[in-house]
Amino acid sequence: MKTKTKIFLVVGAVALLALIIVANLKFAQKSTIKVEAQKVQERELRAVVSASGKIRAKTSVDLSANTTGKVVTLAVDEGDRVVKGQALLRIDPTPAETQVNRFKRACKRRGRRMICSARIWNKRRWKPTARKHFMKGS
C-alpha cells in the first residue's frame, strides 16, 4: 500500500470515529430529563399515594365455641377492644336445656334415685364450661 492510501484510511477512520462521538452526544442530550428548580419555602404538601396490598392486624385470634347453636346476642362489634373473660356473644341455650331435661326425665322414668347432675352428663357429652352456663340458665 502506498503512503497516501494509508494516510487516507487513517484520516477516514478518525473522521468516522469523531462523527460517531458527536452523534452519540447529540442523542444523549435528547434523552435527558428536564428538572425544574424552585426556591425553598414553607407550604402545604399535597400528595396522593395509592398502593395495593393487604392490611393485617398485629394480633389475630380465632374464636370457637364449646357448643353449636344460633347466636342470640352479639355483645361486641368488629373492631371493638375486648378484655380477657368478656362475653362476646350468647348462644341460644334451648337445645342444650332440652337435652338436659330429657336426660332428667329418663332418669326418673327408670326409677333410679340418683342425682341427674351435669357432672354425670359431662362424662358423656358436655364440656365443663358449657355445663356451668346452661345449668344456671344464664
N, C-alpha and C. Protein backbone atom coordinates (compact mmCIF):
# COMPACT_ATOMS: atom_id res chain seq x y z
N MET A 1 0.82 -1.17 0.00
CA MET A 1 0.00 0.00 0.00
C MET A 1 0.87 1.24 0.00
N LYS A 2 0.33 2.24 -0.66
CA LYS A 2 1.07 3.49 -0.77
C LYS A 2 0.83 4.33 0.47
N THR A 3 1.69 5.23 0.71
CA THR A 3 1.62 6.09 1.88
C THR A 3 0.37 6.96 1.84
N LYS A 4 0.01 7.44 0.66
CA LYS A 4 -1.19 8.28 0.54
C LYS A 4 -2.44 7.48 0.92
N THR A 5 -2.49 6.25 0.53
CA THR A 5 -3.65 5.42 0.83
C THR A 5 -3.74 5.17 2.34
N LYS A 6 -2.59 4.92 2.97
CA LYS A 6 -2.57 4.69 4.41
C LYS A 6 -3.03 5.94 5.16
N ILE A 7 -2.58 7.11 4.74
CA ILE A 7 -2.96 8.36 5.38
C ILE A 7 -4.47 8.60 5.19
N PHE A 8 -4.95 8.31 3.96
CA PHE A 8 -6.37 8.49 3.68
C PHE A 8 -7.23 7.56 4.57
N LEU A 9 -6.82 6.34 4.76
CA LEU A 9 -7.56 5.41 5.62
C LEU A 9 -7.53 5.84 7.08
N VAL A 10 -6.38 6.30 7.58
CA VAL A 10 -6.29 6.75 8.97
C VAL A 10 -7.14 7.99 9.19
N VAL A 11 -7.08 8.97 8.27
CA VAL A 11 -7.88 10.18 8.40
C VAL A 11 -9.37 9.83 8.31
N GLY A 12 -9.74 8.90 7.46
CA GLY A 12 -11.14 8.48 7.33
C GLY A 12 -11.64 7.79 8.61
N ALA A 13 -10.78 6.94 9.20
CA ALA A 13 -11.16 6.25 10.43
C ALA A 13 -11.33 7.25 11.57
N VAL A 14 -10.44 8.22 11.68
CA VAL A 14 -10.54 9.24 12.73
C VAL A 14 -11.79 10.08 12.51
N ALA A 15 -12.10 10.44 11.27
CA ALA A 15 -13.29 11.24 10.97
C ALA A 15 -14.56 10.44 11.31
N LEU A 16 -14.56 9.15 10.98
CA LEU A 16 -15.71 8.31 11.30
C LEU A 16 -15.90 8.19 12.81
N LEU A 17 -14.80 8.02 13.53
CA LEU A 17 -14.86 7.94 14.99
C LEU A 17 -15.37 9.26 15.59
N ALA A 18 -14.92 10.39 15.07
CA ALA A 18 -15.38 11.70 15.54
C ALA A 18 -16.87 11.88 15.25
N LEU A 19 -17.34 11.41 14.09
CA LEU A 19 -18.75 11.52 13.73
C LEU A 19 -19.61 10.67 14.69
N ILE A 20 -19.15 9.50 15.03
CA ILE A 20 -19.89 8.64 15.96
C ILE A 20 -19.98 9.28 17.33
N ILE A 21 -18.89 9.87 17.82
CA ILE A 21 -18.88 10.51 19.13
C ILE A 21 -19.82 11.71 19.15
N VAL A 22 -19.81 12.54 18.12
CA VAL A 22 -20.68 13.72 18.06
C VAL A 22 -22.15 13.29 17.99
N ALA A 23 -22.48 12.27 17.20
CA ALA A 23 -23.87 11.80 17.09
C ALA A 23 -24.34 11.24 18.44
N ASN A 24 -23.47 10.53 19.12
CA ASN A 24 -23.83 9.96 20.42
C ASN A 24 -24.12 11.08 21.43
N LEU A 25 -23.33 12.13 21.44
CA LEU A 25 -23.55 13.24 22.36
C LEU A 25 -24.86 13.97 22.03
N LYS A 26 -25.20 14.11 20.78
CA LYS A 26 -26.43 14.79 20.39
C LYS A 26 -27.66 13.98 20.85
N PHE A 27 -27.65 12.66 20.62
CA PHE A 27 -28.78 11.83 21.02
C PHE A 27 -28.89 11.71 22.54
N ALA A 28 -27.78 11.74 23.24
CA ALA A 28 -27.79 11.66 24.70
C ALA A 28 -28.46 12.90 25.30
N GLN A 29 -28.31 14.05 24.67
CA GLN A 29 -28.93 15.28 25.17
C GLN A 29 -30.45 15.21 25.03
N LYS A 30 -30.97 14.53 24.02
CA LYS A 30 -32.41 14.44 23.82
C LYS A 30 -33.07 13.56 24.89
N SER A 31 -32.37 12.58 25.43
CA SER A 31 -32.95 11.67 26.42
C SER A 31 -32.76 12.15 27.86
N THR A 32 -32.20 13.30 28.06
CA THR A 32 -32.04 13.81 29.42
C THR A 32 -33.38 14.30 29.95
N ILE A 33 -33.52 14.28 31.28
CA ILE A 33 -34.75 14.70 31.94
C ILE A 33 -34.60 16.15 32.36
N LYS A 34 -35.62 16.93 32.03
CA LYS A 34 -35.58 18.33 32.43
C LYS A 34 -36.05 18.45 33.87
N VAL A 35 -35.36 19.23 34.65
CA VAL A 35 -35.65 19.40 36.06
C VAL A 35 -35.97 20.87 36.31
N GLU A 36 -37.02 21.09 37.13
CA GLU A 36 -37.40 22.44 37.48
C GLU A 36 -36.96 22.70 38.92
N ALA A 37 -36.21 23.75 39.13
CA ALA A 37 -35.74 24.11 40.47
C ALA A 37 -36.51 25.31 40.99
N GLN A 38 -36.81 25.28 42.29
CA GLN A 38 -37.53 26.38 42.89
C GLN A 38 -36.83 26.78 44.18
N LYS A 39 -37.15 27.97 44.60
CA LYS A 39 -36.61 28.48 45.85
C LYS A 39 -37.28 27.75 47.02
N VAL A 40 -36.53 27.43 48.05
CA VAL A 40 -37.06 26.72 49.22
C VAL A 40 -37.98 27.64 49.99
N GLN A 41 -39.19 27.13 50.29
CA GLN A 41 -40.15 27.89 51.07
C GLN A 41 -41.10 26.92 51.77
N GLU A 42 -41.72 27.36 52.83
CA GLU A 42 -42.65 26.52 53.57
C GLU A 42 -44.03 26.64 52.94
N ARG A 43 -44.67 25.44 52.69
CA ARG A 43 -46.01 25.41 52.13
C ARG A 43 -46.65 24.05 52.39
N GLU A 44 -47.93 23.96 52.14
CA GLU A 44 -48.67 22.72 52.38
C GLU A 44 -48.32 21.69 51.30
N LEU A 45 -48.05 20.48 51.76
CA LEU A 45 -47.71 19.41 50.83
C LEU A 45 -48.95 18.58 50.54
N ARG A 46 -49.27 18.45 49.29
CA ARG A 46 -50.41 17.63 48.88
C ARG A 46 -49.89 16.51 48.02
N ALA A 47 -50.14 15.29 48.48
CA ALA A 47 -49.69 14.13 47.72
C ALA A 47 -50.74 13.03 47.82
N VAL A 48 -50.93 12.34 46.76
CA VAL A 48 -51.85 11.21 46.74
C VAL A 48 -51.00 9.97 46.54
N VAL A 49 -51.16 9.02 47.46
CA VAL A 49 -50.41 7.78 47.38
C VAL A 49 -51.41 6.64 47.20
N SER A 50 -51.18 5.85 46.22
CA SER A 50 -52.03 4.66 46.04
C SER A 50 -51.13 3.44 46.00
N ALA A 51 -51.58 2.39 46.65
CA ALA A 51 -50.80 1.15 46.70
C ALA A 51 -51.74 -0.02 46.80
N SER A 52 -51.27 -1.15 46.42
CA SER A 52 -52.07 -2.36 46.56
C SER A 52 -51.40 -3.26 47.59
N GLY A 53 -52.21 -4.05 48.26
CA GLY A 53 -51.67 -4.96 49.27
C GLY A 53 -52.74 -5.39 50.23
N LYS A 54 -52.32 -6.00 51.34
CA LYS A 54 -53.24 -6.48 52.34
C LYS A 54 -52.96 -5.80 53.66
N ILE A 55 -54.04 -5.47 54.38
CA ILE A 55 -53.92 -4.90 55.71
C ILE A 55 -54.12 -6.03 56.70
N ARG A 56 -53.16 -6.21 57.60
CA ARG A 56 -53.25 -7.28 58.59
C ARG A 56 -53.16 -6.71 59.98
N ALA A 57 -53.88 -7.32 60.90
CA ALA A 57 -53.85 -6.90 62.30
C ALA A 57 -52.55 -7.37 62.94
N LYS A 58 -52.10 -6.63 63.95
CA LYS A 58 -50.91 -7.06 64.69
C LYS A 58 -51.18 -8.36 65.43
N THR A 59 -52.37 -8.45 66.01
CA THR A 59 -52.75 -9.65 66.76
C THR A 59 -54.04 -10.20 66.18
N SER A 60 -54.06 -11.47 65.89
CA SER A 60 -55.24 -12.12 65.33
C SER A 60 -55.60 -13.30 66.23
N VAL A 61 -56.90 -13.47 66.50
CA VAL A 61 -57.37 -14.54 67.37
C VAL A 61 -58.51 -15.27 66.69
N ASP A 62 -58.43 -16.59 66.68
CA ASP A 62 -59.52 -17.41 66.16
C ASP A 62 -60.44 -17.79 67.32
N LEU A 63 -61.74 -17.60 67.12
CA LEU A 63 -62.72 -17.91 68.16
C LEU A 63 -63.45 -19.19 67.82
N SER A 64 -63.78 -19.95 68.85
CA SER A 64 -64.62 -21.13 68.66
C SER A 64 -65.44 -21.33 69.93
N ALA A 65 -66.55 -22.02 69.78
CA ALA A 65 -67.44 -22.25 70.92
C ALA A 65 -67.37 -23.72 71.31
N ASN A 66 -67.72 -24.00 72.56
CA ASN A 66 -67.76 -25.38 73.04
C ASN A 66 -69.00 -26.10 72.54
N THR A 67 -69.98 -25.36 72.08
CA THR A 67 -71.22 -25.95 71.60
C THR A 67 -71.67 -25.21 70.35
N THR A 68 -72.54 -25.83 69.59
CA THR A 68 -73.07 -25.17 68.39
C THR A 68 -74.46 -24.65 68.68
N GLY A 69 -74.89 -23.68 67.92
CA GLY A 69 -76.23 -23.14 68.10
C GLY A 69 -76.37 -21.78 67.45
N LYS A 70 -77.56 -21.26 67.56
CA LYS A 70 -77.88 -19.95 66.98
C LYS A 70 -77.39 -18.85 67.92
N VAL A 71 -76.74 -17.83 67.36
CA VAL A 71 -76.28 -16.69 68.15
C VAL A 71 -77.49 -15.80 68.43
N VAL A 72 -77.77 -15.60 69.72
CA VAL A 72 -78.93 -14.81 70.12
C VAL A 72 -78.53 -13.35 70.31
N THR A 73 -77.40 -13.10 70.96
CA THR A 73 -76.96 -11.74 71.26
C THR A 73 -75.49 -11.61 70.89
N LEU A 74 -75.15 -10.53 70.20
CA LEU A 74 -73.76 -10.22 69.88
C LEU A 74 -73.38 -9.00 70.69
N ALA A 75 -72.45 -9.16 71.64
CA ALA A 75 -72.14 -8.10 72.59
C ALA A 75 -71.09 -7.11 72.10
N VAL A 76 -70.32 -7.44 71.07
CA VAL A 76 -69.28 -6.55 70.57
C VAL A 76 -69.41 -6.41 69.06
N ASP A 77 -68.87 -5.31 68.56
CA ASP A 77 -68.84 -5.08 67.12
C ASP A 77 -67.43 -5.30 66.61
N GLU A 78 -67.31 -5.44 65.30
CA GLU A 78 -66.00 -5.62 64.70
C GLU A 78 -65.14 -4.39 64.98
N GLY A 79 -63.92 -4.61 65.43
CA GLY A 79 -63.00 -3.52 65.73
C GLY A 79 -63.02 -3.08 67.17
N ASP A 80 -64.00 -3.53 67.97
CA ASP A 80 -64.05 -3.18 69.39
C ASP A 80 -62.91 -3.85 70.14
N ARG A 81 -62.42 -3.19 71.17
CA ARG A 81 -61.41 -3.79 72.04
C ARG A 81 -62.13 -4.63 73.09
N VAL A 82 -61.57 -5.78 73.37
CA VAL A 82 -62.16 -6.67 74.37
C VAL A 82 -61.09 -7.04 75.39
N VAL A 83 -61.55 -7.48 76.56
CA VAL A 83 -60.62 -7.91 77.61
C VAL A 83 -60.87 -9.39 77.88
N LYS A 84 -59.90 -10.01 78.49
CA LYS A 84 -59.98 -11.44 78.79
C LYS A 84 -61.18 -11.71 79.69
N GLY A 85 -61.97 -12.70 79.32
CA GLY A 85 -63.13 -13.07 80.12
C GLY A 85 -64.41 -12.35 79.73
N GLN A 86 -64.34 -11.36 78.85
CA GLN A 86 -65.53 -10.61 78.45
C GLN A 86 -66.41 -11.48 77.55
N ALA A 87 -67.72 -11.45 77.77
CA ALA A 87 -68.66 -12.20 76.94
C ALA A 87 -68.76 -11.52 75.58
N LEU A 88 -68.56 -12.29 74.52
CA LEU A 88 -68.63 -11.74 73.17
C LEU A 88 -69.99 -11.96 72.54
N LEU A 89 -70.60 -13.10 72.84
CA LEU A 89 -71.91 -13.40 72.27
C LEU A 89 -72.62 -14.40 73.17
N ARG A 90 -73.91 -14.58 72.88
CA ARG A 90 -74.71 -15.55 73.64
C ARG A 90 -75.36 -16.49 72.63
N ILE A 91 -75.18 -17.79 72.87
CA ILE A 91 -75.76 -18.81 72.01
C ILE A 91 -77.06 -19.28 72.64
N ASP A 92 -78.08 -19.52 71.83
CA ASP A 92 -79.39 -19.97 72.31
C ASP A 92 -79.24 -21.27 73.10
N PRO A 93 -79.59 -21.25 74.40
CA PRO A 93 -79.40 -22.44 75.23
C PRO A 93 -80.54 -23.46 75.11
N THR A 94 -81.58 -23.18 74.36
CA THR A 94 -82.76 -24.04 74.31
C THR A 94 -82.43 -25.49 73.93
N PRO A 95 -81.66 -25.76 72.87
CA PRO A 95 -81.38 -27.16 72.53
C PRO A 95 -80.64 -27.90 73.66
N ALA A 96 -79.68 -27.26 74.30
CA ALA A 96 -78.93 -27.91 75.37
C ALA A 96 -79.82 -28.12 76.59
N GLU A 97 -80.66 -27.14 76.90
CA GLU A 97 -81.57 -27.29 78.03
C GLU A 97 -82.56 -28.43 77.78
N THR A 98 -82.99 -28.58 76.53
CA THR A 98 -83.89 -29.67 76.16
C THR A 98 -83.22 -31.02 76.39
N GLN A 99 -81.95 -31.13 76.03
CA GLN A 99 -81.23 -32.38 76.25
C GLN A 99 -81.11 -32.69 77.74
N VAL A 100 -80.82 -31.69 78.55
CA VAL A 100 -80.71 -31.89 80.00
C VAL A 100 -82.05 -32.35 80.56
N ASN A 101 -83.14 -31.69 80.17
CA ASN A 101 -84.47 -32.06 80.66
C ASN A 101 -84.84 -33.49 80.23
N ARG A 102 -84.50 -33.85 79.00
CA ARG A 102 -84.77 -35.19 78.51
C ARG A 102 -84.00 -36.23 79.34
N PHE A 103 -82.75 -35.90 79.67
CA PHE A 103 -81.94 -36.80 80.48
C PHE A 103 -82.53 -36.94 81.89
N LYS A 104 -82.98 -35.84 82.47
CA LYS A 104 -83.58 -35.89 83.81
C LYS A 104 -84.85 -36.74 83.81
N ARG A 105 -85.69 -36.57 82.77
CA ARG A 105 -86.92 -37.37 82.68
C ARG A 105 -86.60 -38.85 82.52
N ALA A 106 -85.55 -39.15 81.74
CA ALA A 106 -85.16 -40.55 81.54
C ALA A 106 -84.69 -41.16 82.86
N CYS A 107 -84.00 -40.40 83.68
CA CYS A 107 -83.54 -40.89 84.98
C CYS A 107 -84.74 -41.18 85.89
N LYS A 108 -85.72 -40.31 85.89
CA LYS A 108 -86.91 -40.51 86.74
C LYS A 108 -87.71 -41.71 86.27
N ARG A 109 -87.83 -41.87 84.94
CA ARG A 109 -88.60 -43.00 84.40
C ARG A 109 -87.99 -44.33 84.78
N ARG A 110 -86.71 -44.42 84.82
CA ARG A 110 -86.05 -45.67 85.16
C ARG A 110 -86.15 -45.99 86.65
N GLY A 111 -86.70 -45.08 87.42
CA GLY A 111 -86.91 -45.32 88.84
C GLY A 111 -85.63 -45.24 89.66
N ARG A 112 -84.64 -44.67 89.11
CA ARG A 112 -83.39 -44.55 89.87
C ARG A 112 -83.48 -43.37 90.81
N ARG A 113 -82.84 -43.49 91.93
CA ARG A 113 -82.80 -42.40 92.91
C ARG A 113 -81.47 -41.66 92.82
N MET A 114 -80.88 -41.66 91.66
CA MET A 114 -79.60 -40.97 91.52
C MET A 114 -79.82 -39.50 91.16
N ILE A 115 -78.88 -38.71 91.44
CA ILE A 115 -78.96 -37.28 91.10
C ILE A 115 -78.51 -37.13 89.66
N CYS A 116 -79.38 -36.57 88.85
CA CYS A 116 -79.06 -36.37 87.43
C CYS A 116 -78.33 -35.04 87.31
N SER A 117 -77.08 -35.07 87.61
CA SER A 117 -76.32 -33.82 87.61
C SER A 117 -75.56 -33.65 86.30
N ALA A 118 -75.15 -32.47 86.08
CA ALA A 118 -74.38 -32.18 84.89
C ALA A 118 -73.00 -32.82 84.97
N ARG A 119 -72.55 -33.17 86.17
CA ARG A 119 -71.25 -33.83 86.31
C ARG A 119 -71.29 -35.19 85.62
N ILE A 120 -72.37 -35.93 85.77
CA ILE A 120 -72.53 -37.22 85.12
C ILE A 120 -72.68 -37.01 83.62
N TRP A 121 -73.49 -36.05 83.28
CA TRP A 121 -73.73 -35.76 81.87
C TRP A 121 -72.44 -35.33 81.18
N ASN A 122 -71.56 -34.63 81.88
CA ASN A 122 -70.30 -34.15 81.34
C ASN A 122 -69.44 -35.31 80.86
N LYS A 123 -69.49 -36.46 81.54
CA LYS A 123 -68.68 -37.59 81.14
C LYS A 123 -69.09 -38.09 79.76
N ARG A 124 -70.33 -37.85 79.40
CA ARG A 124 -70.81 -38.34 78.10
C ARG A 124 -70.71 -37.30 76.98
N ARG A 125 -71.21 -36.07 77.24
CA ARG A 125 -71.33 -35.14 76.12
C ARG A 125 -70.77 -33.74 76.36
N TRP A 126 -71.04 -33.15 77.52
CA TRP A 126 -70.80 -31.73 77.71
C TRP A 126 -69.39 -31.43 78.15
N LYS A 127 -68.94 -30.24 77.80
CA LYS A 127 -67.68 -29.71 78.33
C LYS A 127 -68.02 -28.98 79.63
N PRO A 128 -67.09 -28.88 80.58
CA PRO A 128 -67.40 -28.27 81.88
C PRO A 128 -67.91 -26.84 81.78
N THR A 129 -67.36 -26.03 80.88
CA THR A 129 -67.80 -24.63 80.81
C THR A 129 -69.22 -24.54 80.28
N ALA A 130 -69.57 -25.37 79.31
CA ALA A 130 -70.93 -25.35 78.77
C ALA A 130 -71.92 -25.77 79.85
N ARG A 131 -71.58 -26.82 80.62
CA ARG A 131 -72.46 -27.30 81.68
C ARG A 131 -72.74 -26.20 82.69
N LYS A 132 -71.71 -25.48 83.10
CA LYS A 132 -71.85 -24.44 84.13
C LYS A 132 -72.82 -23.36 83.68
N HIS A 133 -72.71 -22.91 82.41
CA HIS A 133 -73.55 -21.82 81.93
C HIS A 133 -74.98 -22.26 81.67
N PHE A 134 -75.17 -23.46 81.14
CA PHE A 134 -76.51 -23.89 80.82
C PHE A 134 -77.30 -24.29 82.05
N MET A 135 -76.64 -24.83 83.05
CA MET A 135 -77.35 -25.24 84.26
C MET A 135 -77.83 -24.03 85.05
N LYS A 136 -77.08 -22.92 84.96
CA LYS A 136 -77.50 -21.71 85.66
C LYS A 136 -78.63 -21.03 84.91
N GLY A 137 -78.72 -21.30 83.60
CA GLY A 137 -79.76 -20.66 82.79
C GLY A 137 -79.39 -19.25 82.39
N SER A 138 -78.10 -18.92 82.44
CA SER A 138 -77.67 -17.56 82.09
C SER A 138 -77.35 -17.47 80.63
